[in-house]
Amino acid sequence: VTTGDAEMPSRAQNRRSLGGKILRMTP
């Protein structure tokens, strides 16, 4: 799943945030 930073760039460097990431999960 791809996510954006939702216009808060600091989220991308925060590994606790789901923003600005590629996620990998089970079905």
PDB file of all heavy atoms in Angstrom:
ATOM      1  N   VAL A   1       0.850  -1.182   0.000  1.00  0.00           N
ATOM      2  CA  VAL A   1       0.000   0.000   0.000  1.00  0.00           C
ATOM      3  C   VAL A   1       0.891   1.240   0.000  1.00  0.00           C
ATOM      4  O   VAL A   1       1.818   1.333   0.811  1.00  0.00           O
ATOM      5  CB  VAL A   1      -0.905   0.022   1.254  1.00  0.00           C
ATOM      6  CG1 VAL A   1      -1.762   1.274   1.291  1.00  0.00           C
ATOM      7  CG2 VAL A   1      -1.756  -1.241   1.328  1.00  0.00           C
ATOM      8  N   THR A   2       0.616   2.188  -0.909  1.00  0.00           N
ATOM      9  CA  THR A   2       1.406   3.419  -0.922  1.00  0.00           C
ATOM     10  C   THR A   2       0.637   4.531  -0.232  1.00  0.00           C
ATOM     11  O   THR A   2      -0.576   4.660  -0.396  1.00  0.00           O
ATOM     12  CB  THR A   2       1.768   3.855  -2.347  1.00  0.00           C
ATOM     13  OG1 THR A   2       0.623   4.419  -3.002  1.00  0.00           O
ATOM     14  CG2 THR A   2       2.291   2.692  -3.163  1.00  0.00           C
ATOM     15  N   THR A   3       1.356   5.342   0.545  1.00  0.00           N
ATOM     16  CA  THR A   3       0.739   6.469   1.235  1.00  0.00           C
ATOM     17  C   THR A   3       1.525   7.737   0.932  1.00  0.00           C
ATOM     18  O   THR A   3       2.721   7.691   0.625  1.00  0.00           O
ATOM     19  CB  THR A   3       0.691   6.246   2.755  1.00  0.00           C
ATOM     20  OG1 THR A   3       1.996   6.435   3.315  1.00  0.00           O
ATOM     21  CG2 THR A   3       0.193   4.847   3.088  1.00  0.00           C
ATOM     22  N   GLY A   4       0.858   8.872   1.037  1.00  0.00           N
ATOM     23  CA  GLY A   4       1.529  10.156   0.895  1.00  0.00           C
ATOM     24  C   GLY A   4       1.720  10.817   2.244  1.00  0.00           C
ATOM     25  O   GLY A   4       1.194  10.358   3.269  1.00  0.00           O
ATOM     26  N   ASP A   5       2.453  11.920   2.238  1.00  0.00           N
ATOM     27  CA  ASP A   5       2.683  12.617   3.502  1.00  0.00           C
ATOM     28  C   ASP A   5       1.497  13.482   3.920  1.00  0.00           C
ATOM     29  O   ASP A   5       1.516  14.107   4.984  1.00  0.00           O
ATOM     30  CB  ASP A   5       3.966  13.448   3.454  1.00  0.00           C
ATOM     31  CG  ASP A   5       3.923  14.603   2.454  1.00  0.00           C
ATOM     32  OD1 ASP A   5       2.841  14.959   1.961  1.00  0.00           O
ATOM     33  OD2 ASP A   5       5.004  15.165   2.145  1.00  0.00           O
ATOM     34  N   ALA A   6       0.449  13.523   3.073  1.00  0.00           N
ATOM     35  CA  ALA A   6      -0.766  14.299   3.363  1.00  0.00           C
ATOM     36  C   ALA A   6      -0.423  15.747   3.705  1.00  0.00           C
ATOM     37  O   ALA A   6      -1.038  16.362   4.580  1.00  0.00           O
ATOM     38  CB  ALA A   6      -1.604  13.637   4.455  1.00  0.00           C
ATOM     39  N   GLU A   7       0.575  16.267   3.003  1.00  0.00           N
ATOM     40  CA  GLU A   7       1.019  17.658   3.117  1.00  0.00           C
ATOM     41  C   GLU A   7       1.621  18.009   4.468  1.00  0.00           C
ATOM     42  O   GLU A   7       1.685  19.179   4.842  1.00  0.00           O
ATOM     43  CB  GLU A   7      -0.120  18.619   2.757  1.00  0.00           C
ATOM     44  CG  GLU A   7      -0.599  18.465   1.321  1.00  0.00           C
ATOM     45  CD  GLU A   7      -1.664  19.476   0.947  1.00  0.00           C
ATOM     46  OE1 GLU A   7      -2.813  19.287   1.380  1.00  0.00           O
ATOM     47  OE2 GLU A   7      -1.337  20.427   0.216  1.00  0.00           O
ATOM     48  N   MET A   8       2.093  16.999   5.188  1.00  0.00           N
ATOM     49  CA  MET A   8       2.896  17.222   6.383  1.00  0.00           C
ATOM     50  C   MET A   8       4.205  16.453   6.192  1.00  0.00           C
ATOM     51  O   MET A   8       4.317  15.279   6.553  1.00  0.00           O
ATOM     52  CB  MET A   8       2.178  16.752   7.650  1.00  0.00           C
ATOM     53  CG  MET A   8       2.888  17.161   8.938  1.00  0.00           C
ATOM     54  SD  MET A   8       1.971  16.654  10.420  1.00  0.00           S
ATOM     55  CE  MET A   8       0.564  17.765  10.322  1.00  0.00           C
ATOM     56  N   PRO A   9       5.212  17.092   5.572  1.00  0.00           N
ATOM     57  CA  PRO A   9       6.419  16.377   5.154  1.00  0.00           C
ATOM     58  C   PRO A   9       7.128  15.617   6.268  1.00  0.00           C
ATOM     59  O   PRO A   9       7.735  14.568   6.013  1.00  0.00           O
ATOM     60  CB  PRO A   9       7.306  17.495   4.592  1.00  0.00           C
ATOM     61  CG  PRO A   9       6.332  18.522   4.099  1.00  0.00           C
ATOM     62  CD  PRO A   9       5.215  18.496   5.100  1.00  0.00           C
ATOM     63  N   SER A  10       7.055  16.096   7.505  1.00  0.00           N
ATOM     64  CA  SER A  10       7.763  15.427   8.592  1.00  0.00           C
ATOM     65  C   SER A  10       7.283  14.006   8.819  1.00  0.00           C
ATOM     66  O   SER A  10       8.018  13.168   9.364  1.00  0.00           O
ATOM     67  CB  SER A  10       7.625  16.235   9.890  1.00  0.00           C
ATOM     68  OG  SER A  10       6.257  16.341  10.270  1.00  0.00           O
ATOM     69  N   ARG A  11       6.064  13.694   8.396  1.00  0.00           N
ATOM     70  CA  ARG A  11       5.559  12.330   8.558  1.00  0.00           C
ATOM     71  C   ARG A  11       6.426  11.312   7.825  1.00  0.00           C
ATOM     72  O   ARG A  11       6.528  10.162   8.248  1.00  0.00           O
ATOM     73  CB  ARG A  11       4.132  12.241   8.017  1.00  0.00           C
ATOM     74  CG  ARG A  11       3.068  12.910   8.858  1.00  0.00           C
ATOM     75  CD  ARG A  11       1.715  12.752   8.221  1.00  0.00           C
ATOM     76  NE  ARG A  11       0.638  13.216   9.086  1.00  0.00           N
ATOM     77  CZ  ARG A  11      -0.353  14.010   8.694  1.00  0.00           C
ATOM     78  NH1 ARG A  11      -0.389  14.436   7.429  1.00  0.00           N
ATOM     79  NH2 ARG A  11      -1.294  14.373   9.540  1.00  0.00           N
ATOM     80  N   ALA A  12       7.004  11.720   6.701  1.00  0.00           N
ATOM     81  CA  ALA A  12       7.743  10.769   5.868  1.00  0.00           C
ATOM     82  C   ALA A  12       8.961  10.190   6.586  1.00  0.00           C
ATOM     83  O   ALA A  12       9.341   9.043   6.339  1.00  0.00           O
ATOM     84  CB  ALA A  12       8.171  11.443   4.568  1.00  0.00           C
ATOM     85  N   GLN A  13       9.584  10.966   7.480  1.00  0.00           N
ATOM     86  CA  GLN A  13      10.761  10.504   8.210  1.00  0.00           C
ATOM     87  C   GLN A  13      10.421   9.865   9.558  1.00  0.00           C
ATOM     88  O   GLN A  13      11.304   9.290  10.207  1.00  0.00           O
ATOM     89  CB  GLN A  13      11.727  11.669   8.425  1.00  0.00           C
ATOM     90  CG  GLN A  13      12.418  12.146   7.166  1.00  0.00           C
ATOM     91  CD  GLN A  13      13.331  11.091   6.570  1.00  0.00           C
ATOM     92  OE1 GLN A  13      14.088  10.425   7.280  1.00  0.00           O
ATOM     93  NE2 GLN A  13      13.267  10.916   5.256  1.00  0.00           N
ATOM     94  N   ASN A  14       9.178   9.935   9.967  1.00  0.00           N
ATOM     95  CA  ASN A  14       8.742   9.381  11.245  1.00  0.00           C
ATOM     96  C   ASN A  14       8.226   7.963  11.013  1.00  0.00           C
ATOM     97  O   ASN A  14       7.147   7.774  10.466  1.00  0.00           O
ATOM     98  CB  ASN A  14       7.656  10.268  11.839  1.00  0.00           C
ATOM     99  CG  ASN A  14       7.120   9.749  13.162  1.00  0.00           C
ATOM    100  OD1 ASN A  14       7.543   8.698  13.660  1.00  0.00           O
ATOM    101  ND2 ASN A  14       6.180  10.475  13.738  1.00  0.00           N
ATOM    102  N   ARG A  15       8.970   6.965  11.462  1.00  0.00           N
ATOM    103  CA  ARG A  15       8.576   5.579  11.204  1.00  0.00           C
ATOM    104  C   ARG A  15       7.344   5.158  11.986  1.00  0.00           C
ATOM    105  O   ARG A  15       6.756   4.121  11.683  1.00  0.00           O
ATOM    106  CB  ARG A  15       9.743   4.633  11.500  1.00  0.00           C
ATOM    107  CG  ARG A  15      10.953   4.833  10.598  1.00  0.00           C
ATOM    108  CD  ARG A  15      11.739   3.541  10.431  1.00  0.00           C
ATOM    109  NE  ARG A  15      12.095   2.918  11.671  1.00  0.00           N
ATOM    110  CZ  ARG A  15      13.291   2.987  12.253  1.00  0.00           C
ATOM    111  NH1 ARG A  15      14.262   3.707  11.689  1.00  0.00           N
ATOM    112  NH2 ARG A  15      13.533   2.353  13.367  1.00  0.00           N
ATOM    113  N   ARG A  16       6.922   5.969  12.960  1.00  0.00           N
ATOM    114  CA  ARG A  16       5.685   5.661  13.691  1.00  0.00           C
ATOM    115  C   ARG A  16       4.454   6.175  12.944  1.00  0.00           C
ATOM    116  O   ARG A  16       3.326   5.779  13.272  1.00  0.00           O
ATOM    117  CB  ARG A  16       5.741   6.262  15.095  1.00  0.00           C
ATOM    118  CG  ARG A  16       6.779   5.621  16.006  1.00  0.00           C
ATOM    119  CD  ARG A  16       6.692   6.161  17.413  1.00  0.00           C
ATOM    120  NE  ARG A  16       6.935   7.594  17.468  1.00  0.00           N
ATOM    121  CZ  ARG A  16       8.136   8.150  17.522  1.00  0.00           C
ATOM    122  NH1 ARG A  16       9.222   7.393  17.513  1.00  0.00           N
ATOM    123  NH2 ARG A  16       8.261   9.463  17.580  1.00  0.00           N
ATOM    124  N   SER A  17       4.669   7.054  11.988  1.00  0.00           N
ATOM    125  CA  SER A  17       3.563   7.565  11.184  1.00  0.00           C
ATOM    126  C   SER A  17       3.356   6.674   9.964  1.00  0.00           C
ATOM    127  O   SER A  17       4.313   6.119   9.414  1.00  0.00           O
ATOM    128  CB  SER A  17       3.866   8.995  10.730  1.00  0.00           C
ATOM    129  OG  SER A  17       2.911   9.437   9.780  1.00  0.00           O
ATOM    130  N   LEU A  18       2.109   6.583   9.518  1.00  0.00           N
ATOM    131  CA  LEU A  18       1.802   5.816   8.307  1.00  0.00           C
ATOM    132  C   LEU A  18       1.899   6.681   7.051  1.00  0.00           C
ATOM    133  O   LEU A  18       1.731   6.175   5.943  1.00  0.00           O
ATOM    134  CB  LEU A  18       0.397   5.213   8.411  1.00  0.00           C
ATOM    135  CG  LEU A  18       0.197   4.197   9.535  1.00  0.00           C
ATOM    136  CD1 LEU A  18      -1.279   3.837   9.671  1.00  0.00           C
ATOM    137  CD2 LEU A  18       1.038   2.948   9.290  1.00  0.00           C
ATOM    138  N   GLY A  19       2.151   7.963   7.189  1.00  0.00           N
ATOM    139  CA  GLY A  19       2.233   8.860   6.043  1.00  0.00           C
ATOM    140  C   GLY A  19       3.614   8.848   5.406  1.00  0.00           C
ATOM    141  O   GLY A  19       4.630   8.757   6.097  1.00  0.00           O
ATOM    142  N   GLY A  20       3.643   8.947   4.067  1.00  0.00           N
ATOM    143  CA  GLY A  20       4.913   8.994   3.357  1.00  0.00           C
ATOM    144  C   GLY A  20       5.646   7.670   3.364  1.00  0.00           C
ATOM    145  O   GLY A  20       6.876   7.629   3.467  1.00  0.00           O
ATOM    146  N   LYS A  21       4.889   6.577   3.187  1.00  0.00           N
ATOM    147  CA  LYS A  21       5.456   5.238   3.315  1.00  0.00           C
ATOM    148  C   LYS A  21       4.996   4.320   2.180  1.00  0.00           C
ATOM    149  O   LYS A  21       4.041   4.613   1.465  1.00  0.00           O
ATOM    150  CB  LYS A  21       4.995   4.587   4.633  1.00  0.00           C
ATOM    151  CG  LYS A  21       5.212   5.401   5.889  1.00  0.00           C
ATOM    152  CD  LYS A  21       6.682   5.614   6.209  1.00  0.00           C
ATOM    153  CE  LYS A  21       6.887   6.252   7.576  1.00  0.00           C
ATOM    154  NZ  LYS A  21       6.338   7.618   7.685  1.00  0.00           N
ATOM    155  N   ILE A  22       5.680   3.193   2.047  1.00  0.00           N
ATOM    156  CA  ILE A  22       5.120   2.008   1.405  1.00  0.00           C
ATOM    157  C   ILE A  22       4.909   0.994   2.522  1.00  0.00           C
ATOM    158  O   ILE A  22       5.827   0.729   3.312  1.00  0.00           O
ATOM    159  CB  ILE A  22       6.027   1.462   0.302  1.00  0.00           C
ATOM    160  CG1 ILE A  22       6.131   2.482  -0.842  1.00  0.00           C
ATOM    161  CG2 ILE A  22       5.501   0.134  -0.236  1.00  0.00           C
ATOM    162  CD1 ILE A  22       7.089   2.093  -1.945  1.00  0.00           C
ATOM    163  N   LEU A  23       3.694   0.472   2.606  1.00  0.00           N
ATOM    164  CA  LEU A  23       3.328  -0.478   3.662  1.00  0.00           C
ATOM    165  C   LEU A  23       3.234  -1.882   3.080  1.00  0.00           C
ATOM    166  O   LEU A  23       2.889  -2.063   1.915  1.00  0.00           O
ATOM    167  CB  LEU A  23       1.976  -0.091   4.277  1.00  0.00           C
ATOM    168  CG  LEU A  23       1.784   1.373   4.672  1.00  0.00           C
ATOM    169  CD1 LEU A  23       0.376   1.587   5.230  1.00  0.00           C
ATOM    170  CD2 LEU A  23       2.831   1.810   5.686  1.00  0.00           C
ATOM    171  N   ARG A  24       3.535  -2.861   3.909  1.00  0.00           N
ATOM    172  CA  ARG A  24       3.420  -4.274   3.521  1.00  0.00           C
ATOM    173  C   ARG A  24       2.662  -4.999   4.618  1.00  0.00           C
ATOM    174  O   ARG A  24       3.062  -4.960   5.797  1.00  0.00           O
ATOM    175  CB  ARG A  24       4.807  -4.885   3.317  1.00  0.00           C
ATOM    176  CG  ARG A  24       4.817  -6.380   2.964  1.00  0.00           C
ATOM    177  CD  ARG A  24       6.248  -6.835   2.697  1.00  0.00           C
ATOM    178  NE  ARG A  24       6.337  -8.261   2.416  1.00  0.00           N
ATOM    179  CZ  ARG A  24       6.653  -9.193   3.326  1.00  0.00           C
ATOM    180  NH1 ARG A  24       6.899  -8.844   4.594  1.00  0.00           N
ATOM    181  NH2 ARG A  24       6.714 -10.465   2.983  1.00  0.00           N
ATOM    182  N   MET A  25       1.569  -5.656   4.228  1.00  0.00           N
ATOM    183  CA  MET A  25       0.708  -6.295   5.220  1.00  0.00           C
ATOM    184  C   MET A  25       0.135  -7.585   4.666  1.00  0.00           C
ATOM    185  O   MET A  25       0.186  -7.851   3.452  1.00  0.00           O
ATOM    186  CB  MET A  25      -0.426  -5.341   5.616  1.00  0.00           C
ATOM    187  CG  MET A  25      -1.348  -4.947   4.479  1.00  0.00           C
ATOM    188  SD  MET A  25      -2.529  -3.614   4.905  1.00  0.00           S
ATOM    189  CE  MET A  25      -1.445  -2.202   5.017  1.00  0.00           C
ATOM    190  N   THR A  26      -0.447  -8.382   5.547  1.00  0.00           N
ATOM    191  CA  THR A  26      -1.157  -9.583   5.125  1.00  0.00           C
ATOM    192  C   THR A  26      -2.478  -9.176   4.464  1.00  0.00           C
ATOM    193  O   THR A  26      -2.935  -8.033   4.619  1.00  0.00           O
ATOM    194  CB  THR A  26      -1.453 -10.499   6.317  1.00  0.00           C
ATOM    195  OG1 THR A  26      -2.449  -9.871   7.138  1.00  0.00           O
ATOM    196  CG2 THR A  26      -0.188 -10.776   7.138  1.00  0.00           C
ATOM    197  N   PRO A  27      -3.139 -10.080   3.774  1.00  0.00           N
ATOM    198  CA  PRO A  27      -4.441  -9.734   3.189  1.00  0.00           C
ATOM    199  C   PRO A  27      -5.487  -9.310   4.216  1.00  0.00           C
ATOM    200  O   PRO A  27      -6.495  -8.709   3.849  1.00  0.00           O
ATOM    201  CB  PRO A  27      -4.856 -11.028   2.475  1.00  0.00           C
ATOM    202  CG  PRO A  27      -3.565 -11.715   2.149  1.00  0.00           C
ATOM    203  CD  PRO A  27      -2.665 -11.411   3.314  1.00  0.00           C
TER     204      PRO A  27
END
